[in-house]
Amino acid sequence: MGLGRESSKRAGSKRAGSKRTGRASAAIGVLLLLAGCMTSGRATYQTSGIDQWLTTENADAVVNAMAAKGMIPATIDCRFADTAPGQLAYVSKFTWKRAPANTRYHWEIGDPTYLASKEVKANRIGLRRVFAKVVRDPASGQKVGCSIWAS
């Protein structure tokens, strides 16, 4: 009699587990659809579409989704979305790589002075710059930079 209850508990547990697995698979599928990873020859990953530029809010969501899959930014590209006076808006896009064990990282986008201050803070906590880019808008002469720091 004790064996009967035990096996029925396991069977119920397996059914509940399969529901959870199904939900987890669906959630992962949605994340993959949203992040849209594709592999390149160098074992880095690009967000869906080669020309997909992300606002800061979208970039934060993509970075968090990729981190949940064990990925970290390998490179970052940046540009101006709006160069109207007082309306500086930047966009970025990333390539991805598998996160080595115990790796911490931080990324930023902004004017070169802002990035210099972030460089100092990153160095204080043991992060070193692993990728950086500066872009100049030919019309306005303004510059925007983007950097990734990692341990």
C-alpha atoms as a PDB file:
ATOM      1  CA  MET A   1       0.000   0.000   0.000  1.00  0.00           C
ATOM      2  CA  GLY A   2       2.860   2.366   0.762  1.00  0.00           C
ATOM      3  CA  LEU A   3       4.376   1.630  -2.646  1.00  0.00           C
ATOM      4  CA  GLY A   4       1.113   2.444  -4.397  1.00  0.00           C
ATOM      5  CA  ARG A   5       0.888   5.915  -2.871  1.00  0.00           C
ATOM      6  CA  GLU A   6       4.538   6.571  -3.584  1.00  0.00           C
ATOM      7  CA  SER A   7       4.252   5.656  -7.262  1.00  0.00           C
ATOM      8  CA  SER A   8       1.070   7.722  -7.663  1.00  0.00           C
ATOM      9  CA  LYS A   9       2.878  10.690  -6.084  1.00  0.00           C
ATOM     10  CA  ARG A  10       5.718  10.251  -8.563  1.00  0.00           C
ATOM     11  CA  ALA A  11       3.312   9.991 -11.474  1.00  0.00           C
ATOM     12  CA  GLY A  12       1.555  13.177 -10.357  1.00  0.00           C
ATOM     13  CA  SER A  13       4.925  14.823  -9.917  1.00  0.00           C
ATOM     14  CA  LYS A  14       5.963  13.830 -13.440  1.00  0.00           C
ATOM     15  CA  ARG A  15       2.771  15.309 -14.872  1.00  0.00           C
ATOM     16  CA  ALA A  16       3.283  18.540 -12.954  1.00  0.00           C
ATOM     17  CA  GLY A  17       6.918  18.569 -14.029  1.00  0.00           C
ATOM     18  CA  SER A  18       5.957  18.181 -17.675  1.00  0.00           C
ATOM     19  CA  LYS A  19       3.606  21.172 -17.365  1.00  0.00           C
ATOM     20  CA  ARG A  20       6.447  23.222 -15.878  1.00  0.00           C
ATOM     21  CA  THR A  21       8.812  22.011 -18.588  1.00  0.00           C
ATOM     22  CA  GLY A  22       6.287  22.977 -21.242  1.00  0.00           C
ATOM     23  CA  ARG A  23       5.891  26.442 -19.754  1.00  0.00           C
ATOM     24  CA  ALA A  24       9.653  26.853 -19.439  1.00  0.00           C
ATOM     25  CA  SER A  25      10.111  25.747 -23.051  1.00  0.00           C
ATOM     26  CA  ALA A  26       7.482  28.230 -24.173  1.00  0.00           C
ATOM     27  CA  ALA A  27       9.150  31.015 -22.177  1.00  0.00           C
ATOM     28  CA  ILE A  28      12.544  30.168 -23.654  1.00  0.00           C
ATOM     29  CA  GLY A  29      10.978  30.111 -27.114  1.00  0.00           C
ATOM     30  CA  VAL A  30       9.565  33.594 -26.572  1.00  0.00           C
ATOM     31  CA  LEU A  31      12.953  34.864 -25.368  1.00  0.00           C
ATOM     32  CA  LEU A  32      14.648  33.350 -28.403  1.00  0.00           C
ATOM     33  CA  LEU A  33      12.056  34.925 -30.650  1.00  0.00           C
ATOM     34  CA  LEU A  34      12.511  38.317 -28.979  1.00  0.00           C
ATOM     35  CA  ALA A  35      16.301  38.165 -28.878  1.00  0.00           C
ATOM     36  CA  GLY A  36      16.533  36.365 -32.213  1.00  0.00           C
ATOM     37  CA  CYS A  37      19.995  34.874 -31.956  1.00  0.00           C
ATOM     38  CA  MET A  38      21.895  33.621 -34.935  1.00  0.00           C
ATOM     39  CA  THR A  39      25.344  32.100 -34.968  1.00  0.00           C
ATOM     40  CA  SER A  40      28.322  33.467 -36.852  1.00  0.00           C
ATOM     41  CA  GLY A  41      31.582  31.659 -37.586  1.00  0.00           C
ATOM     42  CA  ARG A  42      33.395  33.187 -34.585  1.00  0.00           C
ATOM     43  CA  ALA A  43      30.993  31.808 -31.965  1.00  0.00           C
ATOM     44  CA  THR A  44      29.468  35.230 -31.411  1.00  0.00           C
ATOM     45  CA  TYR A  45      25.786  35.969 -31.719  1.00  0.00           C
ATOM     46  CA  GLN A  46      23.937  38.884 -33.280  1.00  0.00           C
ATOM     47  CA  THR A  47      20.517  40.103 -32.207  1.00  0.00           C
ATOM     48  CA  SER A  48      17.794  39.492 -34.774  1.00  0.00           C
ATOM     49  CA  GLY A  49      18.531  41.311 -37.964  1.00  0.00           C
ATOM     50  CA  ILE A  50      21.951  42.647 -38.849  1.00  0.00           C
ATOM     51  CA  ASP A  51      20.681  46.234 -38.813  1.00  0.00           C
ATOM     52  CA  GLN A  52      18.672  46.081 -35.605  1.00  0.00           C
ATOM     53  CA  TRP A  53      19.505  49.179 -33.584  1.00  0.00           C
ATOM     54  CA  LEU A  54      18.270  49.201 -29.988  1.00  0.00           C
ATOM     55  CA  THR A  55      17.308  52.109 -27.788  1.00  0.00           C
ATOM     56  CA  THR A  56      18.752  52.061 -24.282  1.00  0.00           C
ATOM     57  CA  GLU A  57      15.543  50.566 -22.861  1.00  0.00           C
ATOM     58  CA  ASN A  58      15.413  47.878 -25.566  1.00  0.00           C
ATOM     59  CA  ALA A  59      19.129  47.190 -25.165  1.00  0.00           C
ATOM     60  CA  ASP A  60      18.711  46.646 -21.418  1.00  0.00           C
ATOM     61  CA  ALA A  61      15.950  44.109 -22.072  1.00  0.00           C
ATOM     62  CA  VAL A  62      18.003  42.266 -24.713  1.00  0.00           C
ATOM     63  CA  VAL A  63      21.132  42.216 -22.524  1.00  0.00           C
ATOM     64  CA  ASN A  64      19.122  40.815 -19.604  1.00  0.00           C
ATOM     65  CA  ALA A  65      17.514  38.160 -21.827  1.00  0.00           C
ATOM     66  CA  MET A  66      20.883  37.133 -23.240  1.00  0.00           C
ATOM     67  CA  ALA A  67      22.461  37.058 -19.756  1.00  0.00           C
ATOM     68  CA  ALA A  68      19.719  34.641 -18.711  1.00  0.00           C
ATOM     69  CA  LYS A  69      20.960  32.369 -21.515  1.00  0.00           C
ATOM     70  CA  GLY A  70      24.569  32.589 -20.340  1.00  0.00           C
ATOM     71  CA  MET A  71      25.701  35.117 -22.948  1.00  0.00           C
ATOM     72  CA  ILE A  72      27.657  38.365 -22.558  1.00  0.00           C
ATOM     73  CA  PRO A  73      28.260  41.176 -25.059  1.00  0.00           C
ATOM     74  CA  ALA A  74      31.345  40.546 -27.217  1.00  0.00           C
ATOM     75  CA  THR A  75      31.132  43.799 -29.187  1.00  0.00           C
ATOM     76  CA  ILE A  76      28.946  46.866 -29.191  1.00  0.00           C
ATOM     77  CA  ASP A  77      28.227  49.293 -32.014  1.00  0.00           C
ATOM     78  CA  CYS A  78      26.681  52.696 -31.432  1.00  0.00           C
ATOM     79  CA  ARG A  79      25.401  55.709 -33.331  1.00  0.00           C
ATOM     80  CA  PHE A  80      23.244  58.788 -32.957  1.00  0.00           C
ATOM     81  CA  ALA A  81      19.516  58.312 -33.349  1.00  0.00           C
ATOM     82  CA  ASP A  82      18.809  62.049 -33.061  1.00  0.00           C
ATOM     83  CA  THR A  83      21.379  64.864 -33.183  1.00  0.00           C
ATOM     84  CA  ALA A  84      18.950  67.775 -32.766  1.00  0.00           C
ATOM     85  CA  PRO A  85      20.231  70.273 -30.145  1.00  0.00           C
ATOM     86  CA  GLY A  86      19.215  69.116 -26.671  1.00  0.00           C
ATOM     87  CA  GLN A  87      17.811  65.840 -28.026  1.00  0.00           C
ATOM     88  CA  LEU A  88      20.768  63.471 -27.929  1.00  0.00           C
ATOM     89  CA  ALA A  89      19.516  59.958 -28.444  1.00  0.00           C
ATOM     90  CA  TYR A  90      21.764  56.975 -29.025  1.00  0.00           C
ATOM     91  CA  VAL A  91      21.144  53.483 -30.306  1.00  0.00           C
ATOM     92  CA  SER A  92      23.326  50.396 -30.112  1.00  0.00           C
ATOM     93  CA  LYS A  93      23.607  46.811 -31.274  1.00  0.00           C
ATOM     94  CA  PHE A  94      25.583  43.898 -29.905  1.00  0.00           C
ATOM     95  CA  THR A  95      27.262  40.659 -30.835  1.00  0.00           C
ATOM     96  CA  TRP A  96      27.348  37.936 -28.182  1.00  0.00           C
ATOM     97  CA  LYS A  97      29.588  35.219 -26.836  1.00  0.00           C
ATOM     98  CA  ARG A  98      29.261  32.536 -24.181  1.00  0.00           C
ATOM     99  CA  ALA A  99      30.012  33.929 -20.741  1.00  0.00           C
ATOM    100  CA  PRO A 100      33.157  32.459 -19.188  1.00  0.00           C
ATOM    101  CA  ALA A 101      32.693  31.277 -15.600  1.00  0.00           C
ATOM    102  CA  ASN A 102      32.518  34.046 -12.994  1.00  0.00           C
ATOM    103  CA  THR A 103      32.730  36.881 -15.532  1.00  0.00           C
ATOM    104  CA  ARG A 104      31.339  40.266 -14.597  1.00  0.00           C
ATOM    105  CA  TYR A 105      30.725  42.927 -17.222  1.00  0.00           C
ATOM    106  CA  HIS A 106      29.278  46.368 -17.742  1.00  0.00           C
ATOM    107  CA  TRP A 107      28.427  48.326 -20.888  1.00  0.00           C
ATOM    108  CA  GLU A 108      27.732  52.002 -21.486  1.00  0.00           C
ATOM    109  CA  ILE A 109      26.936  54.372 -24.329  1.00  0.00           C
ATOM    110  CA  GLY A 110      27.325  58.164 -24.220  1.00  0.00           C
ATOM    111  CA  ASP A 111      29.590  61.100 -24.929  1.00  0.00           C
ATOM    112  CA  PRO A 112      33.348  60.573 -24.462  1.00  0.00           C
ATOM    113  CA  THR A 113      33.472  62.519 -21.160  1.00  0.00           C
ATOM    114  CA  TYR A 114      30.721  60.354 -19.688  1.00  0.00           C
ATOM    115  CA  LEU A 115      32.500  57.188 -20.838  1.00  0.00           C
ATOM    116  CA  ALA A 116      35.776  58.382 -19.311  1.00  0.00           C
ATOM    117  CA  SER A 117      34.070  58.681 -15.920  1.00  0.00           C
ATOM    118  CA  LYS A 118      32.607  55.188 -16.335  1.00  0.00           C
ATOM    119  CA  GLU A 119      36.073  53.864 -17.249  1.00  0.00           C
ATOM    120  CA  VAL A 120      37.451  55.091 -13.911  1.00  0.00           C
ATOM    121  CA  LYS A 121      34.579  53.469 -11.994  1.00  0.00           C
ATOM    122  CA  ALA A 122      34.906  50.199 -13.903  1.00  0.00           C
ATOM    123  CA  ASN A 123      38.644  50.037 -13.214  1.00  0.00           C
ATOM    124  CA  ARG A 124      38.029  50.594  -9.496  1.00  0.00           C
ATOM    125  CA  ILE A 125      35.897  47.472  -9.297  1.00  0.00           C
ATOM    126  CA  GLY A 126      38.344  45.346 -11.280  1.00  0.00           C
ATOM    127  CA  LEU A 127      36.807  45.580 -14.757  1.00  0.00           C
ATOM    128  CA  ARG A 128      38.951  46.293 -17.817  1.00  0.00           C
ATOM    129  CA  ARG A 129      37.783  47.640 -21.163  1.00  0.00           C
ATOM    130  CA  VAL A 130      37.416  44.807 -23.669  1.00  0.00           C
ATOM    131  CA  PHE A 131      35.746  46.732 -26.492  1.00  0.00           C
ATOM    132  CA  ALA A 132      35.216  50.399 -27.352  1.00  0.00           C
ATOM    133  CA  LYS A 133      34.069  52.477 -30.291  1.00  0.00           C
ATOM    134  CA  VAL A 134      33.651  56.220 -30.905  1.00  0.00           C
ATOM    135  CA  VAL A 135      31.458  57.599 -33.685  1.00  0.00           C
ATOM    136  CA  ARG A 136      31.386  61.216 -34.911  1.00  0.00           C
ATOM    137  CA  ASP A 137      28.261  62.699 -36.508  1.00  0.00           C
ATOM    138  CA  PRO A 138      29.517  64.478 -39.651  1.00  0.00           C
ATOM    139  CA  ALA A 139      26.721  67.067 -39.634  1.00  0.00           C
ATOM    140  CA  SER A 140      27.035  68.240 -36.034  1.00  0.00           C
ATOM    141  CA  GLY A 141      30.554  67.109 -35.133  1.00  0.00           C
ATOM    142  CA  GLN A 142      29.212  65.495 -31.954  1.00  0.00           C
ATOM    143  CA  LYS A 143      30.763  62.250 -30.766  1.00  0.00           C
ATOM    144  CA  VAL A 144      29.201  59.207 -29.119  1.00  0.00           C
ATOM    145  CA  GLY A 145      31.089  56.269 -27.729  1.00  0.00           C
ATOM    146  CA  CYS A 146      30.231  52.835 -26.467  1.00  0.00           C
ATOM    147  CA  SER A 147      32.302  50.494 -24.348  1.00  0.00           C
ATOM    148  CA  ILE A 148      32.218  47.082 -22.692  1.00  0.00           C
ATOM    149  CA  TRP A 149      34.225  46.302 -19.560  1.00  0.00           C
ATOM    150  CA  ALA A 150      34.690  42.801 -18.177  1.00  0.00           C
ATOM    151  CA  SER A 151      36.569  41.008 -15.434  1.00  0.00           C
END
